[in-house]
Amino acid sequence: MASGNEEGALWSIMGYLLSGLLIWGGLGWAADHWLGTHFFVLIGMLLGGGASMYLVWLRFGRGSTGSNPK
């Protein structure tokens, strides 16, 4: 079973991933609706998914490689 700190990290990761998809996918949907196209929602979701995975990597995934600055 996950400890409190690990559980909080899991919820943060889920929040990053869902918010990236929803926000950028929503912007893509709005662009599609406004311009009469059908591909910006896909571009927005791909961009949001990639950006949110990058943010998760920056926040949680870099680990401790090299020196430990204080």
C-alpha atoms as a PDB file:
ATOM      1  CA  MET A   1       0.000   0.000   0.000  1.00  0.00           C
ATOM      2  CA  ALA A   2       1.262   3.487  -0.861  1.00  0.00           C
ATOM      3  CA  SER A   3       2.286   5.860   1.895  1.00  0.00           C
ATOM      4  CA  GLY A   4       0.772   9.328   2.214  1.00  0.00           C
ATOM      5  CA  ASN A   5       3.614  11.017   0.351  1.00  0.00           C
ATOM      6  CA  GLU A   6       3.531   8.515  -2.516  1.00  0.00           C
ATOM      7  CA  GLU A   7      -0.242   8.744  -2.739  1.00  0.00           C
ATOM      8  CA  GLY A   8      -0.027  12.524  -2.963  1.00  0.00           C
ATOM      9  CA  ALA A   9       2.526  12.217  -5.757  1.00  0.00           C
ATOM     10  CA  LEU A  10       0.259   9.827  -7.662  1.00  0.00           C
ATOM     11  CA  TRP A  11      -2.662  12.254  -7.421  1.00  0.00           C
ATOM     12  CA  SER A  12      -0.426  15.104  -8.591  1.00  0.00           C
ATOM     13  CA  ILE A  13       0.730  13.071 -11.601  1.00  0.00           C
ATOM     14  CA  MET A  14      -2.875  12.210 -12.498  1.00  0.00           C
ATOM     15  CA  GLY A  15      -3.803  15.873 -12.165  1.00  0.00           C
ATOM     16  CA  TYR A  16      -0.996  16.962 -14.481  1.00  0.00           C
ATOM     17  CA  LEU A  17      -1.906  14.363 -17.109  1.00  0.00           C
ATOM     18  CA  LEU A  18      -5.659  14.996 -17.059  1.00  0.00           C
ATOM     19  CA  SER A  19      -5.393  18.773 -16.976  1.00  0.00           C
ATOM     20  CA  GLY A  20      -2.962  18.818 -19.916  1.00  0.00           C
ATOM     21  CA  LEU A  21      -5.283  16.695 -22.030  1.00  0.00           C
ATOM     22  CA  LEU A  22      -8.423  18.584 -21.019  1.00  0.00           C
ATOM     23  CA  ILE A  23      -7.054  22.099 -21.366  1.00  0.00           C
ATOM     24  CA  TRP A  24      -5.150  21.659 -24.628  1.00  0.00           C
ATOM     25  CA  GLY A  25      -7.764  19.299 -26.067  1.00  0.00           C
ATOM     26  CA  GLY A  26     -10.429  21.851 -25.169  1.00  0.00           C
ATOM     27  CA  LEU A  27      -8.482  24.619 -26.873  1.00  0.00           C
ATOM     28  CA  GLY A  28      -8.130  22.400 -29.940  1.00  0.00           C
ATOM     29  CA  TRP A  29     -11.868  21.662 -29.893  1.00  0.00           C
ATOM     30  CA  ALA A  30     -12.611  25.394 -29.645  1.00  0.00           C
ATOM     31  CA  ALA A  31     -10.282  26.094 -32.583  1.00  0.00           C
ATOM     32  CA  ASP A  32     -11.976  23.333 -34.602  1.00  0.00           C
ATOM     33  CA  HIS A  33     -15.413  24.706 -33.763  1.00  0.00           C
ATOM     34  CA  TRP A  34     -14.425  28.266 -34.638  1.00  0.00           C
ATOM     35  CA  LEU A  35     -12.500  27.433 -37.839  1.00  0.00           C
ATOM     36  CA  GLY A  36     -14.720  24.576 -39.052  1.00  0.00           C
ATOM     37  CA  THR A  37     -11.904  22.020 -39.089  1.00  0.00           C
ATOM     38  CA  HIS A  38     -11.529  18.584 -37.476  1.00  0.00           C
ATOM     39  CA  PHE A  39      -7.842  18.171 -36.632  1.00  0.00           C
ATOM     40  CA  PHE A  40      -6.945  20.776 -34.001  1.00  0.00           C
ATOM     41  CA  VAL A  41      -8.482  18.701 -31.213  1.00  0.00           C
ATOM     42  CA  LEU A  42      -6.052  15.878 -32.010  1.00  0.00           C
ATOM     43  CA  ILE A  43      -3.123  18.285 -32.189  1.00  0.00           C
ATOM     44  CA  GLY A  44      -4.202  19.863 -28.894  1.00  0.00           C
ATOM     45  CA  MET A  45      -4.504  16.521 -27.128  1.00  0.00           C
ATOM     46  CA  LEU A  46      -1.107  15.359 -28.399  1.00  0.00           C
ATOM     47  CA  LEU A  47       0.474  18.655 -27.383  1.00  0.00           C
ATOM     48  CA  GLY A  48      -1.227  18.570 -23.978  1.00  0.00           C
ATOM     49  CA  GLY A  49      -0.253  14.950 -23.351  1.00  0.00           C
ATOM     50  CA  GLY A  50       3.350  15.572 -24.290  1.00  0.00           C
ATOM     51  CA  ALA A  51       3.604  18.771 -22.272  1.00  0.00           C
ATOM     52  CA  SER A  52       2.047  17.187 -19.205  1.00  0.00           C
ATOM     53  CA  MET A  53       4.380  14.166 -19.402  1.00  0.00           C
ATOM     54  CA  TYR A  54       7.305  16.583 -19.633  1.00  0.00           C
ATOM     55  CA  LEU A  55       6.055  18.442 -16.545  1.00  0.00           C
ATOM     56  CA  VAL A  56       5.685  15.150 -14.666  1.00  0.00           C
ATOM     57  CA  TRP A  57       9.239  14.234 -15.663  1.00  0.00           C
ATOM     58  CA  LEU A  58      10.542  17.622 -14.497  1.00  0.00           C
ATOM     59  CA  ARG A  59       8.694  17.396 -11.185  1.00  0.00           C
ATOM     60  CA  PHE A  60       9.085  13.722 -10.272  1.00  0.00           C
ATOM     61  CA  GLY A  61      11.321  11.852 -12.696  1.00  0.00           C
ATOM     62  CA  ARG A  62      14.745  13.413 -12.857  1.00  0.00           C
ATOM     63  CA  GLY A  63      16.031  11.612  -9.787  1.00  0.00           C
ATOM     64  CA  SER A  64      19.398  12.346  -8.234  1.00  0.00           C
ATOM     65  CA  THR A  65      22.091  12.112 -10.871  1.00  0.00           C
ATOM     66  CA  GLY A  66      25.347  13.821 -10.106  1.00  0.00           C
ATOM     67  CA  SER A  67      25.920  16.258  -7.251  1.00  0.00           C
ATOM     68  CA  ASN A  68      23.300  17.356  -4.761  1.00  0.00           C
ATOM     69  CA  PRO A  69      23.153  21.202  -4.741  1.00  0.00           C
ATOM     70  CA  LYS A  70      22.177  22.853  -1.461  1.00  0.00           C
END
